[in-house]
Protein backbone atom coordinates (compact mmCIF):
# COMPACT_ATOMS: atom_id res chain seq x y z
CA MET A 1 0.08 0.04 0.01
CA ARG A 2 2.73 2.45 0.58
CA ASP A 3 6.67 2.54 0.18
CA ARG A 4 7.51 3.68 3.81
CA VAL A 5 5.77 3.84 7.05
CA ARG A 6 5.35 7.11 9.04
CA VAL A 7 6.27 6.94 12.67
CA TYR A 8 6.03 8.91 15.84
CA THR A 9 8.04 8.90 18.87
CA HIS A 10 7.84 10.13 22.61
CA ILE A 11 8.82 13.37 24.04
CA GLY A 12 11.80 12.33 26.28
CA ALA A 13 13.08 9.78 23.71
CA GLY A 14 16.13 11.86 22.77
CA THR A 15 18.89 12.99 25.22
CA VAL A 16 16.80 15.83 26.89
CA LYS A 17 15.54 14.27 30.16
CA ILE A 18 11.93 15.66 30.86
CA LYS A 19 10.35 16.08 34.27
CA ARG A 20 7.41 13.86 33.67
CA HIS A 21 5.68 14.04 36.93
CA SER A 22 5.74 17.62 37.41
CA ARG A 23 5.00 18.10 33.46
CA ASP A 24 7.81 20.71 33.45
CA ILE A 25 6.93 22.84 30.45
CA ALA A 26 10.69 23.99 29.78
CA SER A 27 11.92 20.39 29.49
CA TYR A 28 8.85 19.20 27.50
CA SER A 29 9.52 22.10 25.11
CA GLU A 30 13.13 21.45 24.71
CA SER A 31 12.75 17.79 24.01
CA THR A 32 10.06 18.63 21.50
CA SER A 33 12.48 20.81 19.65
CA GLU A 34 15.27 18.25 19.87
CA LEU A 35 13.02 15.70 18.13
CA ARG A 36 12.15 17.91 15.53
CA GLU A 37 15.72 18.52 14.69
CA GLN A 38 16.02 14.81 14.43
CA GLY A 39 13.50 14.71 11.61
CA TYR A 40 10.25 13.70 13.60
CA THR A 41 7.23 15.30 12.29
CA ALA A 42 4.99 13.76 15.06
CA VAL A 43 5.81 13.53 18.88
CA GLN A 44 3.50 12.19 21.51
CA THR A 45 3.30 12.97 25.19
CA GLY A 46 1.00 12.42 28.22
CA PRO A 47 -0.41 15.86 29.34
CA VAL A 48 -2.91 14.75 31.91
CA PRO A 49 -2.03 14.34 35.55
CA TYR A 50 -3.36 11.51 37.73
CA THR A 51 -7.12 12.43 37.99
CA HIS A 52 -10.31 10.78 38.66
CA TYR A 53 -14.03 11.50 38.03
CA ASP A 54 -13.54 15.20 38.58
CA PHE A 55 -10.72 17.52 37.83
CA ASP A 56 -8.39 20.23 39.29
CA MET A 57 -8.55 23.59 37.41
CA ARG A 58 -5.32 24.46 38.20
CA GLU A 59 -4.08 21.20 36.58
CA VAL A 60 -6.29 21.99 33.50
CA LYS A 61 -4.83 25.55 33.19
CA HIS A 62 -1.26 23.91 33.44
CA THR A 63 -2.21 21.42 30.74
CA GLU A 64 -3.38 24.34 28.49
CA LYS A 65 -0.03 26.19 29.05
CA LEU A 66 1.91 23.05 28.35
CA LEU A 67 0.12 22.32 24.93
CA ARG A 68 0.51 25.99 23.96
CA THR A 69 4.18 25.73 24.51
CA LEU A 70 4.62 22.54 22.73
CA ARG A 71 2.85 23.74 19.65
CA ASP A 72 5.23 26.83 19.59
CA ALA A 73 8.11 24.40 19.85
CA ALA A 74 6.67 21.89 17.32
CA GLY A 75 5.60 24.60 14.70
CA ASP A 76 2.78 23.88 12.39
CA GLU A 77 4.63 21.15 10.46
CA MET A 78 4.63 18.60 13.38
CA ASP A 79 1.77 16.61 14.56
CA ILE A 80 1.26 16.20 18.47
CA PRO A 81 -0.71 12.90 19.40
CA LEU A 82 -1.60 12.96 23.06
CA ASP A 83 -1.99 10.05 25.34
CA PHE A 84 -4.46 10.57 28.26
CA HIS A 85 -3.99 6.74 29.34
CA GLY A 86 -7.53 6.49 30.55
CA ARG A 87 -6.58 8.77 33.64
CA PRO A 88 -9.98 10.68 33.64
CA PHE A 89 -12.60 8.36 34.97
CA SER A 90 -15.46 10.12 33.36
CA PRO A 91 -16.39 11.98 30.04
CA ARG A 92 -16.71 15.19 31.85
CA ALA A 93 -13.26 15.14 33.34
CA ALA A 94 -11.77 14.01 30.02
CA LEU A 95 -13.56 16.77 28.17
CA ALA A 96 -12.02 19.48 30.46
CA TYR A 97 -8.57 18.33 29.48
CA ILE A 98 -9.51 17.89 25.86
CA ASP A 99 -10.79 21.55 25.78
CA ALA A 100 -7.52 22.61 27.32
CA CYS A 101 -5.57 20.77 24.65
CA SER A 102 -7.66 21.55 21.65
CA PRO A 103 -6.22 24.99 20.78
CA ALA A 104 -2.87 23.20 19.98
CA ARG A 105 -4.67 21.04 17.49
CA PRO A 106 -3.50 17.59 18.45
CA MET A 107 -3.37 14.77 15.99
CA PHE A 108 -5.46 12.94 18.40
CA VAL A 109 -6.32 12.27 21.99
CA GLU A 110 -5.67 8.65 23.09
CA GLU A 111 -7.73 6.89 25.62
CA PRO A 112 -9.60 9.82 27.01
CA ILE A 113 -11.30 7.56 29.55
CA GLN A 114 -10.96 3.93 30.58
CA PRO A 115 -11.35 1.51 27.75
CA GLY A 116 -14.43 -0.78 27.55
CA ASP A 117 -17.24 1.46 27.90
CA HIS A 118 -17.93 2.09 24.16
CA VAL A 119 -21.14 4.18 24.73
CA ALA A 120 -19.36 6.46 27.06
CA MET A 121 -16.42 6.68 24.50
CA ALA A 122 -18.85 7.58 21.79
CA GLN A 123 -20.23 10.56 23.72
CA ILE A 124 -16.77 12.24 23.66
CA PRO A 125 -16.42 13.00 20.01
CA GLN A 126 -19.64 14.61 19.91
CA LEU A 127 -18.40 17.37 22.01
CA ALA A 128 -14.49 17.24 21.60
CA LYS A 129 -12.88 19.55 19.17
CA CYS A 130 -10.11 17.04 18.13
CA PRO A 131 -9.86 13.53 16.99
CA ILE A 132 -10.27 10.69 19.38
CA ALA A 133 -8.29 7.26 19.46
CA THR A 134 -8.27 4.16 21.46
CA GLY A 135 -7.61 0.41 21.24
CA GLU A 136 -4.33 -0.61 23.04
CA ARG A 137 -6.10 -2.30 25.91
CA LEU A 138 -8.81 -3.88 23.61
CA ILE A 139 -8.21 -7.74 22.72
CA THR A 140 -10.91 -9.11 20.49
CA HIS A 141 -12.10 -8.29 17.04
CA LYS A 142 -15.68 -8.04 18.50
CA GLU A 143 -14.59 -5.20 20.99
CA TYR A 144 -13.26 -3.18 17.96
CA GLU A 145 -16.38 -4.04 15.99
CA ASP A 146 -18.71 -2.66 18.59
CA LEU A 147 -16.45 0.42 19.10
CA CYS A 148 -16.51 1.31 15.23
CA GLY A 149 -20.12 0.53 15.05
CA LEU A 150 -20.78 3.53 17.30
CA HIS A 151 -18.32 5.74 15.24
CA ALA A 152 -16.81 6.34 18.76
CA VAL A 153 -13.24 7.28 17.39
CA THR A 154 -11.46 8.64 14.52
CA TYR A 155 -8.73 6.03 14.87
CA VAL A 156 -8.33 2.47 16.32
CA GLN A 157 -4.91 1.44 18.06
CA PRO A 158 -4.62 -2.43 18.00
CA ASP A 159 -1.58 -3.81 19.56
CA LEU A 160 -0.52 -6.68 17.37
CA CYS A 161 1.16 -8.37 20.38
CA HIS A 162 -2.20 -8.43 22.33
CA CYS A 163 -4.96 -8.69 19.74
CA GLY A 164 -3.92 -11.94 17.56
CA GLY A 165 -1.08 -10.69 15.31
CA PHE A 166 -1.36 -10.03 11.76
CA THR A 167 -4.60 -12.11 11.19
CA VAL A 168 -6.88 -10.48 13.65
CA GLY A 169 -5.10 -7.24 13.14
CA LYS A 170 -6.02 -7.12 9.54
CA GLN A 171 -9.57 -8.01 10.45
CA ILE A 172 -9.76 -5.05 12.94
CA ALA A 173 -8.39 -2.77 10.13
CA ALA A 174 -10.85 -3.98 7.59
CA THR A 175 -13.77 -3.24 10.01
CA ALA A 176 -12.32 0.07 10.95
CA ALA A 177 -12.13 1.06 7.16
CA THR A 178 -15.84 0.10 6.81
CA PHE A 179 -16.89 2.89 9.23
CA GLY A 180 -14.13 5.33 7.79
CA ILE A 181 -11.81 4.81 10.78
CA GLY A 182 -7.91 5.14 10.36
CA VAL A 183 -5.58 2.59 12.11
CA CYS A 184 -2.63 3.92 14.33
CA PRO A 185 -1.11 0.67 15.89
CA HIS A 186 0.10 0.79 19.40
CA ASN A 187 3.82 -0.14 19.70
CA PRO A 188 5.90 1.20 22.52
CA MET A 189 8.07 -2.05 22.40
CA GLY A 190 11.15 -3.58 20.99
CA PRO A 191 12.51 -4.11 17.40
CA ILE A 192 10.73 -7.56 16.80
CA ALA A 193 7.37 -5.96 17.55
CA GLY A 194 8.51 -2.86 15.46
CA ALA A 195 9.24 -5.02 12.44
CA VAL A 196 5.92 -6.69 12.80
CA ASP A 197 4.09 -3.35 12.80
CA LEU A 198 6.22 -2.00 10.05
CA HIS A 199 4.92 -4.76 7.81
CA PHE A 200 1.29 -4.12 9.08
CA GLY A 201 1.59 -0.49 8.29
CA ALA A 202 3.01 -1.20 4.84
CA ALA A 203 -0.01 -3.48 3.90
CA VAL A 204 -3.01 -1.91 5.59
CA PRO A 205 -4.90 0.65 3.39
CA ASN A 206 -6.26 2.72 6.24
CA PHE A 207 -3.00 2.72 8.26
CA THR A 208 -2.17 6.35 9.48
CA ILE A 209 0.85 6.38 11.71
CA LEU A 210 2.85 3.94 13.80
CA GLU A 211 4.06 4.50 17.41
CA GLU A 212 7.93 3.70 17.96
CA ILE A 213 10.19 3.98 21.03
CA THR A 214 13.65 3.48 19.62
CA GLY A 215 14.91 5.97 22.10
CA GLY A 216 13.61 3.80 24.90
CA VAL A 217 17.05 2.18 25.35
CA PRO A 218 20.33 3.05 23.69
CA TRP A 219 20.88 -0.38 22.21
CA TYR A 220 17.50 -0.63 20.55
CA ALA A 221 18.87 -0.90 17.02
CA ASP A 222 21.90 -3.16 18.11
CA VAL A 223 19.97 -6.43 19.02
CA VAL A 224 18.59 -7.00 15.44
CA GLN A 225 20.48 -7.12 11.97
CA PRO A 226 19.93 -5.32 9.97
CA PRO A 227 18.32 -2.58 12.26
CA ILE A 228 15.17 -0.88 11.24
CA ARG A 229 16.17 2.24 9.33
CA ARG A 230 14.42 5.63 9.85
CA VAL A 231 14.83 8.45 7.58
CA ASP A 232 13.59 11.59 8.98
CA CYS A 233 9.99 10.77 10.18
CA TYR A 234 9.47 7.28 8.09
CA TRP A 235 10.67 3.83 8.74
CA GLU A 236 12.07 2.24 5.53
CA LEU A 237 10.61 -1.19 4.53
CA PRO A 238 13.07 -4.15 5.01
CA THR A 239 14.23 -6.09 2.00
CA ALA A 240 15.27 -9.42 3.61
CA PRO A 241 13.09 -12.38 3.98
CA GLY A 242 10.63 -12.82 6.72
CA LEU A 243 10.21 -10.05 9.10
CA GLY A 244 13.35 -8.69 7.70
CA VAL A 245 15.36 -8.74 10.74
CA GLU A 246 17.26 -11.46 12.87
CA VAL A 247 18.03 -11.23 16.51
CA ASP A 248 21.65 -10.79 17.18
CA GLU A 249 22.06 -13.26 20.27
CA LYS A 250 25.48 -12.13 21.27
CA VAL A 251 24.48 -8.56 21.50
CA ALA A 252 21.14 -9.38 23.20
CA ALA A 253 22.94 -11.46 25.84
CA GLN A 254 24.78 -8.19 26.90
CA HIS A 255 21.49 -6.93 28.06
CA PRO A 256 20.04 -9.42 30.49
CA PHE A 257 16.58 -8.72 32.00
CA GLU A 258 16.19 -6.41 34.64
CA GLN A 259 13.10 -5.47 36.43
CA GLU A 260 11.84 -2.13 35.40
CA GLN A 261 10.06 0.27 37.99
CA VAL A 262 6.29 -0.33 37.87
CA ALA A 263 5.09 3.01 36.94
CA SER A 264 1.68 2.40 38.01
CA LEU A 265 2.71 2.00 41.80
CA GLU A 266 3.01 5.99 41.78
CA ALA A 267 -0.61 6.39 40.31
CA VAL A 268 -1.97 8.26 43.42
CA ILE A 269 -3.78 11.46 43.68
CA LYS A 270 -1.85 13.47 46.14
CA ARG A 271 -4.63 15.39 47.61
CA ASP A 272 -6.32 12.61 49.27
CA GLY A 273 -4.33 9.39 48.26
CA THR A 274 -6.91 8.03 45.86
CA ILE A 275 -5.41 5.37 43.69
CA ALA A 276 -5.74 6.44 40.11
CA ASN A 277 -5.03 4.91 36.67
CA TRP A 278 -1.50 5.17 35.42
């Protein structure tokens, strides 16, 4: 379907270390400018603090200022997808933050509320001033079919490592296309998953953009040969057989498993200790 696949990365994926929990505006802006210089034309971030059914107006205003600054750093040629990660527990809380973000013209707002309640999700685009996306935590084709049938989103985000690989992923994409919905696969993982999604993006007609996290570790490109090649904001298609990459086991052995910090353990609303969604 296409000669190359457009990708977006995450603010903080370069050398600039952002202050994520405080949503420090200066470091977010600096990282956006750095990634722009590296050739990316789309960068994602999570602008919403830990929240619940209601919202803190001070946090909403901080989010508005953050997005305004990010748009200035990105310029008009960059897209800014946003990931709410289901932190708002109600459409009302989600819409307060969506309204704050909308002047920056985000590419989409991902998971504005918790996944699973398709009827509630379908209420949001009726009032939101920007596209809505969801799907990383949906598993079955039936879940996507119900979501698309309600015209609840502009983009679906299947994760091929969760939903059944190429076979079910193509079924989901075809269903989405029937309802005029694009596909932006969820892919914050390693180079094997990246290669799978690269092929998927090349083959699916309604594919739009692919998430990547090559900056997650400095050795991302070393553990497979040949490494996935990025030119500006695109991943080039592989030419080798199969997925087009092979694991370099000697290099992989230099990076044994280490338990990462469980981010969700910090998902607590400070004012009263409510356990939130990460």
